[in-house]
């Protein structure tokens, strides 16, 4: 029997006392081994979607030839993910809070599979000028799919994992996305040697996404029957009114908005480097395969660092200092990377990309966890998705500017823009003074309701907090 809470045991108010709440009231918290299966199913979905996001960037030359479009149109295939994220994420975040992880991520996996199949229509003979628009439509569907899971790692970690494993679980869930980017970056040029290989490539992608849908639908669960920690058992109202009140509280939270703006500048710059890698390196004679190898190196380096630092952060809980370290390291990676971009310098570039990925990938997980800590008890997906939506906006701007600049100026403009963004992000984080609200409650051994004697419906988000 799987440790799954049924529909009546979701986080609701005024419908009696479900088994989860009764167990929490008695101080009983259980950690289930099945948590790793749930995390693995989530990671599989995240990896597959990230493969779709990046799939055309490392083969931009063959993509332009196959559909007869320009570089700006190819870059738009990755930018569309960021464009659709911004208007859709509030609905996706609310749906996750109301229906739980299972239904939210199953819908995401369905959209992910439909998106991959839609792109195949772009290879059907006789489509003419409309063929590329089928590909763009498929990318847009995959981007909508992303809104349901991108900010979910903190929610999954809080629902299934004990306090001592929570940051590590968030890190593992967060690094699944860069793993998918790495696989997609390496896989695409290995399959697409000439433009006519495009149909085979997209058919393989569609098959992979279909398998992922089946796995997610069969294995994923929203939450265990008994919570793993005191803060997990916290009841939260999920009405539209309560959601909007929480969202307003986030926007008015000074420290959180400083953090979110810093996240916007940092992650937007990092994602822009990954997306623009082909247009930055191809003028210096690097092939699609070499560029795919470099980006994959950066992301695999990030996987190792995210795992290591996630464990260390669970032990020391100094979220702000770890985030500072990741940002400074990403800036150092940018400086060395752009300095090393020249002809026949693959060995040096490999190490520079590895350094950039080592710190850039970990910043993603650290921002999400720090945001949850300083805004508790706001739903985890809300703070995470608000940060990510701002990062998507800056990513769109950076990629758009990098795409329209002429080749002879692209390197210096991109470096000035992205490095300047990171410097500004670091200065903003210096002003952050948010407290670790969730951690303090867990150390006190009480929930918010027990501490102030209120119900979930009565609590005003961020009462007495900046």
Protein backbone atom coordinates (compact mmCIF):
# COMPACT_ATOMS: atom_id res chain seq x y z
CA UNK A 1 0.00 0.00 0.00
CA UNK A 2 1.45 3.36 -1.06
CA UNK A 3 1.60 6.08 1.64
CA UNK A 4 -0.77 8.41 -0.18
CA UNK A 5 -3.20 10.90 1.29
CA UNK A 6 -6.64 10.79 -0.31
CA UNK A 7 -8.63 13.76 -1.58
CA UNK A 8 -10.29 14.36 1.80
CA UNK A 9 -6.92 14.67 3.47
CA UNK A 10 -5.72 17.65 1.45
CA UNK A 11 -5.00 20.95 3.13
CA UNK A 12 -8.51 22.27 3.72
CA UNK A 13 -10.19 24.28 6.43
CA UNK A 14 -13.47 23.56 8.19
CA UNK A 15 -14.03 19.98 7.03
CA UNK A 16 -13.20 18.13 10.21
CA UNK A 17 -9.90 16.75 11.37
CA UNK A 18 -8.27 14.46 8.78
CA UNK A 19 -5.77 11.75 9.76
CA UNK A 20 -2.81 14.00 8.84
CA UNK A 21 -3.95 16.75 11.23
CA UNK A 22 -4.71 14.24 13.99
CA UNK A 23 -1.25 12.70 13.65
CA UNK A 24 0.35 16.15 13.75
CA UNK A 25 -1.63 17.09 16.86
CA UNK A 26 -0.26 14.00 18.60
CA UNK A 27 3.29 14.88 17.55
CA UNK A 28 3.57 11.85 15.24
CA UNK A 29 5.67 12.43 12.14
CA UNK A 30 6.59 9.63 9.75
CA UNK A 31 9.18 9.51 6.96
CA UNK A 32 8.34 7.06 4.17
CA UNK A 33 10.93 5.43 1.88
CA UNK A 34 8.50 6.04 -1.00
CA UNK A 35 9.56 9.70 -0.90
CA UNK A 36 12.49 8.82 -3.15
CA UNK A 37 10.17 7.30 -5.77
CA UNK A 38 8.10 10.49 -5.80
CA UNK A 39 11.24 12.61 -6.15
CA UNK A 40 12.52 10.37 -8.97
CA UNK A 41 9.23 10.68 -10.87
CA UNK A 42 9.35 14.46 -10.51
CA UNK A 43 12.97 14.56 -11.71
CA UNK A 44 12.09 12.48 -14.77
CA UNK A 45 9.42 14.99 -15.77
CA UNK A 46 11.73 17.95 -15.20
CA UNK A 47 14.56 16.34 -17.19
CA UNK A 48 12.29 15.56 -20.15
CA UNK A 49 10.83 19.06 -20.29
CA UNK A 50 14.26 20.69 -20.11
CA UNK A 51 15.36 18.56 -23.05
CA UNK A 52 12.56 20.14 -25.07
CA UNK A 53 13.51 23.66 -24.00
CA UNK A 54 17.10 23.46 -25.20
CA UNK A 55 16.75 20.98 -28.06
CA UNK A 56 17.09 23.47 -30.94
CA UNK A 57 19.81 25.76 -29.52
CA UNK A 58 22.78 23.39 -30.08
CA UNK A 59 21.59 22.61 -33.64
CA UNK A 60 20.61 26.15 -34.60
CA UNK A 61 22.40 25.93 -37.96
CA UNK A 62 20.54 22.79 -39.06
CA UNK A 63 17.28 24.17 -37.65
CA UNK A 64 17.64 27.31 -39.76
CA UNK A 65 18.32 25.25 -42.88
CA UNK A 66 15.50 22.74 -42.31
CA UNK A 67 12.73 25.32 -41.82
CA UNK A 68 14.31 28.23 -43.69
CA UNK A 69 14.26 30.65 -40.74
CA UNK A 70 16.79 33.02 -39.17
CA UNK A 71 18.77 32.86 -35.93
CA UNK A 72 16.27 35.11 -34.12
CA UNK A 73 13.46 32.64 -34.88
CA UNK A 74 15.53 29.73 -33.54
CA UNK A 75 16.31 31.64 -30.33
CA UNK A 76 12.59 32.36 -30.00
CA UNK A 77 12.00 28.60 -29.68
CA UNK A 78 13.70 28.72 -26.30
CA UNK A 79 12.45 32.20 -25.38
CA UNK A 80 8.82 31.09 -25.80
CA UNK A 81 9.23 28.96 -22.67
CA UNK A 82 9.97 32.08 -20.69
CA UNK A 83 7.25 34.14 -22.37
CA UNK A 84 4.39 31.74 -21.53
CA UNK A 85 5.66 31.14 -17.99
CA UNK A 86 4.92 34.66 -16.78
CA UNK A 87 1.13 34.82 -17.41
CA UNK A 88 0.39 31.13 -16.67
CA UNK A 89 2.29 30.48 -13.43
CA UNK A 90 -0.29 32.02 -11.00
CA UNK A 91 -2.98 29.61 -12.22
CA UNK A 92 -0.58 26.66 -12.17
CA UNK A 93 0.63 27.51 -8.67
CA UNK A 94 -2.93 27.83 -7.34
CA UNK A 95 -3.89 24.53 -9.00
CA UNK A 96 -0.98 22.75 -7.30
CA UNK A 97 -2.07 24.08 -3.92
CA UNK A 98 -5.70 23.06 -4.45
CA UNK A 99 -5.33 19.70 -6.22
CA UNK A 100 -1.88 18.66 -5.00
CA UNK A 101 1.27 17.49 -6.71
CA UNK A 102 -0.26 14.44 -8.38
CA UNK A 103 -2.83 16.23 -10.52
CA UNK A 104 -0.64 19.24 -11.17
CA UNK A 105 2.32 17.21 -12.37
CA UNK A 106 0.17 14.71 -14.30
CA UNK A 107 -1.33 17.60 -16.27
CA UNK A 108 2.20 18.90 -16.79
CA UNK A 109 3.39 15.53 -18.11
CA UNK A 110 0.37 15.35 -20.44
CA UNK A 111 1.12 18.79 -21.90
CA UNK A 112 4.76 17.79 -22.20
CA UNK A 113 3.89 14.72 -24.29
CA UNK A 114 1.34 16.57 -26.44
CA UNK A 115 3.93 19.29 -27.09
CA UNK A 116 6.48 16.79 -28.38
CA UNK A 117 3.91 15.21 -30.71
CA UNK A 118 2.77 18.63 -31.97
CA UNK A 119 6.30 19.49 -33.06
CA UNK A 120 6.31 16.41 -35.28
CA UNK A 121 3.66 18.09 -37.43
CA UNK A 122 6.31 20.60 -38.42
CA UNK A 123 8.05 17.82 -40.33
CA UNK A 124 4.97 16.70 -42.28
CA UNK A 125 5.40 17.37 -46.04
CA UNK A 126 3.09 19.94 -47.58
CA UNK A 127 2.83 22.23 -44.56
CA UNK A 128 4.76 24.98 -46.32
CA UNK A 129 5.22 28.17 -44.33
CA UNK A 130 3.08 26.79 -41.50
CA UNK A 131 5.49 23.97 -40.64
CA UNK A 132 7.68 26.09 -38.36
CA UNK A 133 4.62 27.44 -36.53
CA UNK A 134 3.71 23.89 -35.48
CA UNK A 135 7.12 23.68 -33.87
CA UNK A 136 6.60 27.02 -32.15
CA UNK A 137 3.17 25.88 -30.90
CA UNK A 138 4.72 22.70 -29.50
CA UNK A 139 7.37 24.72 -27.69
CA UNK A 140 4.65 26.96 -26.23
CA UNK A 141 2.76 23.91 -24.90
CA UNK A 142 5.98 22.59 -23.36
CA UNK A 143 6.49 26.00 -21.79
CA UNK A 144 3.01 25.86 -20.23
CA UNK A 145 3.85 22.39 -18.93
CA UNK A 146 6.88 23.90 -17.21
CA UNK A 147 4.75 26.25 -15.11
CA UNK A 148 3.25 23.32 -13.19
CA UNK A 149 6.51 21.79 -11.98
CA UNK A 150 9.29 24.38 -12.13
CA UNK A 151 8.55 25.82 -8.68
CA UNK A 152 7.43 22.51 -7.15
CA UNK A 153 10.70 21.21 -5.57
CA UNK A 154 10.22 23.13 -2.28
CA UNK A 155 6.62 21.88 -2.02
CA UNK A 156 7.61 18.29 -2.75
CA UNK A 157 10.49 18.46 -0.26
CA UNK A 158 8.28 19.97 2.46
CA UNK A 159 5.51 17.41 1.87
CA UNK A 160 7.63 14.26 1.85
CA UNK A 161 11.03 14.87 3.44
CA UNK A 162 12.15 15.48 7.05
CA UNK A 163 13.85 18.73 8.00
CA UNK A 164 17.36 17.29 7.78
CA UNK A 165 16.83 16.18 4.15
CA UNK A 166 14.64 19.00 2.86
CA UNK A 167 17.28 21.23 1.24
CA UNK A 168 18.97 18.22 -0.31
CA UNK A 169 15.64 17.12 -1.78
CA UNK A 170 15.00 20.63 -3.16
CA UNK A 171 18.50 20.64 -4.65
CA UNK A 172 18.00 17.26 -6.31
CA UNK A 173 14.64 18.36 -7.70
CA UNK A 174 16.13 21.63 -8.94
CA UNK A 175 19.16 20.02 -10.58
CA UNK A 176 16.91 17.73 -12.65
CA UNK A 177 16.24 20.67 -14.95
CA UNK A 178 19.90 21.36 -15.75
CA UNK A 179 20.48 17.63 -16.19
CA UNK A 180 17.78 17.69 -18.87
CA UNK A 181 19.36 20.74 -20.47
CA UNK A 182 22.70 18.93 -20.53
CA UNK A 183 21.19 15.79 -22.04
CA UNK A 184 19.28 17.80 -24.63
CA UNK A 185 22.33 19.83 -25.53
CA UNK A 186 24.43 16.72 -26.06
CA UNK A 187 21.72 14.54 -27.63
CA UNK A 188 20.60 16.97 -30.34
CA UNK A 189 23.87 17.32 -32.28
CA UNK A 190 24.55 13.58 -31.90
CA UNK A 191 21.32 12.76 -33.77
CA UNK A 192 20.94 15.73 -36.12
CA UNK A 193 24.01 15.58 -38.33
CA UNK A 194 22.21 17.00 -41.35
CA UNK A 195 18.88 18.87 -41.63
CA UNK A 196 17.01 15.77 -42.85
CA UNK A 197 17.64 14.08 -39.47
CA UNK A 198 15.15 16.45 -37.82
CA UNK A 199 12.13 14.12 -38.11
CA UNK A 200 14.00 11.24 -36.46
CA UNK A 201 15.13 13.52 -33.66
CA UNK A 202 11.63 14.83 -32.93
CA UNK A 203 10.12 11.33 -33.12
CA UNK A 204 12.58 10.10 -30.49
CA UNK A 205 11.69 13.06 -28.30
CA UNK A 206 7.95 12.33 -28.64
CA UNK A 207 8.50 8.70 -27.61
CA UNK A 208 10.51 9.75 -24.54
CA UNK A 209 7.87 12.26 -23.41
CA UNK A 210 5.11 9.65 -23.78
CA UNK A 211 6.97 7.21 -21.55
CA UNK A 212 7.50 9.96 -18.96
CA UNK A 213 3.75 10.64 -18.91
CA UNK A 214 3.02 6.99 -18.08
CA UNK A 215 5.65 6.90 -15.32
CA UNK A 216 4.43 10.12 -13.68
CA UNK A 217 0.77 9.04 -13.79
CA UNK A 218 1.56 5.67 -12.20
CA UNK A 219 4.17 6.55 -9.57
CA UNK A 220 3.63 10.12 -8.39
CA UNK A 221 1.71 10.87 -5.17
CA UNK A 222 0.76 14.24 -3.71
CA UNK A 223 1.73 13.66 -0.07
CA UNK A 224 2.11 10.88 2.52
CA UNK A 225 -0.68 9.96 4.90
CA UNK A 226 1.34 11.20 7.89
CA UNK A 227 3.46 14.38 7.61
CA UNK A 228 7.26 14.23 8.05
CA UNK A 229 7.66 17.46 10.07
CA UNK A 230 5.71 20.06 12.11
CA UNK A 231 5.64 22.67 9.36
CA UNK A 232 4.35 20.14 6.83
CA UNK A 233 1.24 19.59 8.93
CA UNK A 234 0.45 23.32 8.84
CA UNK A 235 -3.09 23.73 7.45
CA UNK A 236 -3.48 26.27 4.67
CA UNK A 237 -6.59 27.68 3.04
CA UNK A 238 -6.68 27.21 -0.71
CA UNK A 239 -9.54 29.49 -1.81
CA UNK A 240 -8.93 32.06 -4.53
CA UNK A 241 -9.30 34.87 -1.97
CA UNK A 242 -6.70 33.34 0.36
CA UNK A 243 -4.38 32.78 -2.60
CA UNK A 244 -4.64 36.41 -3.72
CA UNK A 245 -4.07 37.64 -0.16
CA UNK A 246 -0.90 35.54 0.04
CA UNK A 247 0.26 36.79 -3.36
CA UNK A 248 -0.30 40.38 -2.28
CA UNK A 249 1.67 39.67 0.89
CA UNK A 250 4.59 38.41 -1.20
CA UNK A 251 4.62 41.45 -3.44
CA UNK A 252 4.57 43.81 -0.43
CA UNK A 253 7.25 41.84 1.43
CA UNK A 254 10.32 44.08 1.11
CA UNK A 255 12.96 41.45 1.82
CA UNK A 256 11.35 38.85 -0.42
CA UNK A 257 11.18 41.29 -3.33
CA UNK A 258 14.86 42.12 -2.86
CA UNK A 259 15.57 38.40 -3.00
CA UNK A 260 13.28 37.90 -6.01
CA UNK A 261 14.94 40.76 -7.93
CA UNK A 262 18.37 39.33 -7.15
CA UNK A 263 17.13 35.94 -8.35
CA UNK A 264 15.74 37.55 -11.51
CA UNK A 265 19.09 39.05 -12.47
CA UNK A 266 21.16 35.99 -11.54
CA UNK A 267 19.12 33.17 -13.08
CA UNK A 268 18.11 35.25 -16.09
CA UNK A 269 21.78 35.85 -16.89
CA UNK A 270 22.70 32.19 -16.35
CA UNK A 271 19.87 30.89 -18.54
CA UNK A 272 20.76 33.45 -21.22
CA UNK A 273 24.34 32.15 -21.37
CA UNK A 274 23.07 28.61 -21.88
CA UNK A 275 20.58 29.66 -24.55
CA UNK A 276 23.05 31.93 -26.40
CA UNK A 277 25.94 29.45 -26.25
CA UNK A 278 25.65 28.54 -29.92
CA UNK A 279 25.50 32.12 -31.23
CA UNK A 280 28.42 33.12 -28.96
CA UNK A 281 30.74 30.25 -29.90
CA UNK A 282 29.98 29.41 -33.53
CA UNK A 283 31.64 32.62 -34.90
CA UNK A 284 34.89 31.32 -33.35
CA UNK A 285 34.77 28.06 -35.28
CA UNK A 286 33.22 25.71 -32.69
CA UNK A 287 30.90 23.00 -33.99
CA UNK A 288 27.46 22.04 -32.69
CA UNK A 289 28.92 18.92 -31.06
CA UNK A 290 31.65 20.89 -29.27
CA UNK A 291 29.15 23.50 -28.05
CA UNK A 292 26.85 20.73 -26.81
CA UNK A 293 29.77 19.18 -24.94
CA UNK A 294 30.66 22.49 -23.27
CA UNK A 295 27.12 23.23 -22.09
CA UNK A 296 26.71 19.64 -20.93
CA UNK A 297 29.96 19.97 -18.95
CA UNK A 298 28.63 23.09 -17.22
CA UNK A 299 25.39 21.40 -16.26
CA UNK A 300 26.92 18.13 -15.09
CA UNK A 301 29.31 20.18 -12.96
CA UNK A 302 26.25 21.90 -11.52
CA UNK A 303 24.67 18.56 -10.69
CA UNK A 304 27.66 17.57 -8.57
CA UNK A 305 27.83 20.92 -6.79
CA UNK A 306 24.09 21.04 -6.17
CA UNK A 307 24.20 17.62 -4.51
CA UNK A 308 27.21 18.52 -2.36
CA UNK A 309 26.04 21.97 -1.28
CA UNK A 310 22.50 20.74 -0.68
CA UNK A 311 23.80 18.33 1.96
CA UNK A 312 25.99 21.03 3.51
CA UNK A 313 23.14 23.54 3.58
CA UNK A 314 20.89 21.01 5.34
CA UNK A 315 23.55 20.77 8.03
CA UNK A 316 24.50 24.44 8.52
CA UNK A 317 21.25 26.23 7.43
CA UNK A 318 23.09 29.43 6.46
CA UNK A 319 20.94 30.03 3.38
CA UNK A 320 21.98 33.63 2.75
CA UNK A 321 25.72 32.96 2.84
CA UNK A 322 25.45 29.93 0.58
CA UNK A 323 23.44 32.01 -1.91
CA UNK A 324 26.11 34.74 -1.80
CA UNK A 325 28.78 32.15 -2.49
CA UNK A 326 26.87 30.80 -5.50
CA UNK A 327 26.40 34.28 -6.96
CA UNK A 328 30.04 35.28 -6.54
CA UNK A 329 31.14 31.99 -8.07
CA UNK A 330 28.80 32.47 -11.03
CA UNK A 331 30.26 35.95 -11.62
CA UNK A 332 33.79 34.52 -11.53
CA UNK A 333 32.67 31.85 -14.00
CA UNK A 334 31.28 34.49 -16.38
CA UNK A 335 34.50 36.50 -16.30
CA UNK A 336 36.74 33.51 -17.03
CA UNK A 337 34.31 32.11 -19.62
CA UNK A 338 34.08 35.24 -21.75
CA UNK A 339 37.83 35.82 -21.43
CA UNK A 340 38.49 32.32 -22.76
CA UNK A 341 36.24 32.57 -25.84
CA UNK A 342 38.60 32.48 -28.79
CA UNK A 343 39.53 30.04 -31.53
CA UNK A 344 41.04 26.62 -30.73
CA UNK A 345 40.68 26.98 -26.97
CA UNK A 346 38.38 24.05 -26.20
CA UNK A 347 40.34 22.72 -23.22
CA UNK A 348 40.33 26.05 -21.37
CA UNK A 349 36.70 26.67 -22.26
CA UNK A 350 35.73 23.31 -20.79
CA UNK A 351 37.05 24.30 -17.37
CA UNK A 352 35.46 27.76 -17.60
CA UNK A 353 32.06 26.30 -18.44
CA UNK A 354 32.46 23.81 -15.58
CA UNK A 355 33.16 26.68 -13.14
CA UNK A 356 30.14 28.64 -14.37
CA UNK A 357 27.86 25.62 -14.06
CA UNK A 358 29.26 24.63 -10.65
CA UNK A 359 27.93 27.83 -9.07
CA UNK A 360 25.16 28.90 -11.47
CA UNK A 361 23.14 25.72 -11.05
CA UNK A 362 23.32 25.76 -7.24
CA UNK A 363 22.06 29.36 -7.15
CA UNK A 364 18.76 28.09 -8.55
CA UNK A 365 18.06 25.79 -5.58
CA UNK A 366 19.37 28.25 -2.97
CA UNK A 367 17.09 31.06 -4.13
CA UNK A 368 14.04 28.78 -3.94
CA UNK A 369 14.81 27.55 -0.42
CA UNK A 370 15.68 31.03 0.89
CA UNK A 371 12.43 32.37 -0.55
CA UNK A 372 10.41 29.67 1.22
CA UNK A 373 12.21 30.29 4.52
CA UNK A 374 11.57 34.04 4.63
CA UNK A 375 7.90 33.85 3.52
CA UNK A 376 6.59 30.84 5.48
CA UNK A 377 3.68 29.90 5.78
CA UNK A 378 2.92 31.09 2.24
CA UNK A 379 2.64 28.05 -0.10
CA UNK A 380 6.06 26.98 -1.34
CA UNK A 381 5.11 27.01 -5.02
CA UNK A 382 3.93 30.62 -4.83
CA UNK A 383 7.22 32.12 -3.65
CA UNK A 384 9.22 29.85 -5.95
CA UNK A 385 7.16 30.61 -9.06
CA UNK A 386 7.15 34.36 -8.44
CA UNK A 387 10.96 34.31 -8.33
CA UNK A 388 11.13 32.15 -11.44
CA UNK A 389 8.67 34.31 -13.39
CA UNK A 390 10.86 37.36 -12.81
CA UNK A 391 13.91 35.35 -13.85
CA UNK A 392 12.09 34.32 -17.04
CA UNK A 393 11.41 37.98 -17.85
CA UNK A 394 15.05 38.95 -17.51
CA UNK A 395 16.07 35.86 -19.49
CA UNK A 396 13.79 36.95 -22.35
CA UNK A 397 15.36 40.41 -22.34
CA UNK A 398 18.93 39.09 -22.25
CA UNK A 399 18.36 36.53 -25.01
CA UNK A 400 16.57 39.06 -27.21
CA UNK A 401 19.39 41.59 -26.89
CA UNK A 402 22.04 38.93 -27.48
CA UNK A 403 20.21 37.70 -30.57
CA UNK A 404 19.90 41.05 -32.37
CA UNK A 405 23.45 42.29 -31.73
CA UNK A 406 25.77 41.79 -34.69
CA UNK A 407 28.35 38.98 -34.50
CA UNK A 408 31.36 41.26 -34.12
CA UNK A 409 29.79 43.02 -31.11
CA UNK A 410 27.85 40.13 -29.58
CA UNK A 411 30.61 38.91 -27.26
CA UNK A 412 31.41 42.24 -25.60
CA UNK A 413 27.74 43.29 -25.36
CA UNK A 414 26.74 39.95 -23.87
CA UNK A 415 29.55 39.99 -21.32
CA UNK A 416 28.84 43.57 -20.24
CA UNK A 417 25.12 42.89 -19.93
CA UNK A 418 25.31 39.55 -18.08
CA UNK A 419 28.24 40.36 -15.79
CA UNK A 420 26.65 43.71 -14.92
CA UNK A 421 23.42 41.92 -14.09
CA UNK A 422 25.23 39.64 -11.63
CA UNK A 423 27.01 42.54 -9.94
CA UNK A 424 23.67 44.29 -9.43
CA UNK A 425 22.15 41.06 -8.07
CA UNK A 426 24.94 40.68 -5.52
CA UNK A 427 24.52 44.27 -4.33
CA UNK A 428 20.77 43.73 -3.91
CA UNK A 429 21.27 40.60 -1.84
CA UNK A 430 23.53 42.62 0.48
CA UNK A 431 20.37 44.56 1.46
CA UNK A 432 18.39 41.39 2.25
CA UNK A 433 17.53 41.05 5.95
CA UNK A 434 14.81 38.39 5.86
CA UNK A 435 14.48 35.96 8.76
CA UNK A 436 14.37 32.15 8.57
CA UNK A 437 10.72 31.87 9.65
CA UNK A 438 10.18 28.18 8.87
CA UNK A 439 13.44 27.12 10.47
CA UNK A 440 12.67 29.10 13.64
CA UNK A 441 9.25 27.48 13.97
CA UNK A 442 10.74 24.02 13.59
CA UNK A 443 13.38 24.78 16.20
CA UNK A 444 10.63 25.97 18.56
CA UNK A 445 8.71 22.73 17.92
CA UNK A 446 5.44 24.49 17.02
CA UNK A 447 3.38 25.45 14.01
CA UNK A 448 2.28 28.98 13.26
CA UNK A 449 -1.24 28.19 14.47
CA UNK A 450 0.04 26.77 17.78
CA UNK A 451 2.28 29.77 18.28
CA UNK A 452 -0.31 32.52 17.78
CA UNK A 453 -3.52 30.60 18.56
CA UNK A 454 -5.11 31.34 15.18
CA UNK A 455 -6.68 29.25 12.44
CA UNK A 456 -5.47 29.12 8.85
CA UNK A 457 -8.47 31.18 7.71
CA UNK A 458 -7.75 33.88 10.29
CA UNK A 459 -4.04 34.30 9.66
CA UNK A 460 -2.86 37.29 7.63
CA UNK A 461 0.31 36.50 5.65
CA UNK A 462 3.47 38.13 7.01
CA UNK A 463 1.83 39.76 10.00
CA UNK A 464 4.50 41.88 11.70
CA UNK A 465 7.09 41.07 9.08
CA UNK A 466 8.79 43.39 6.60
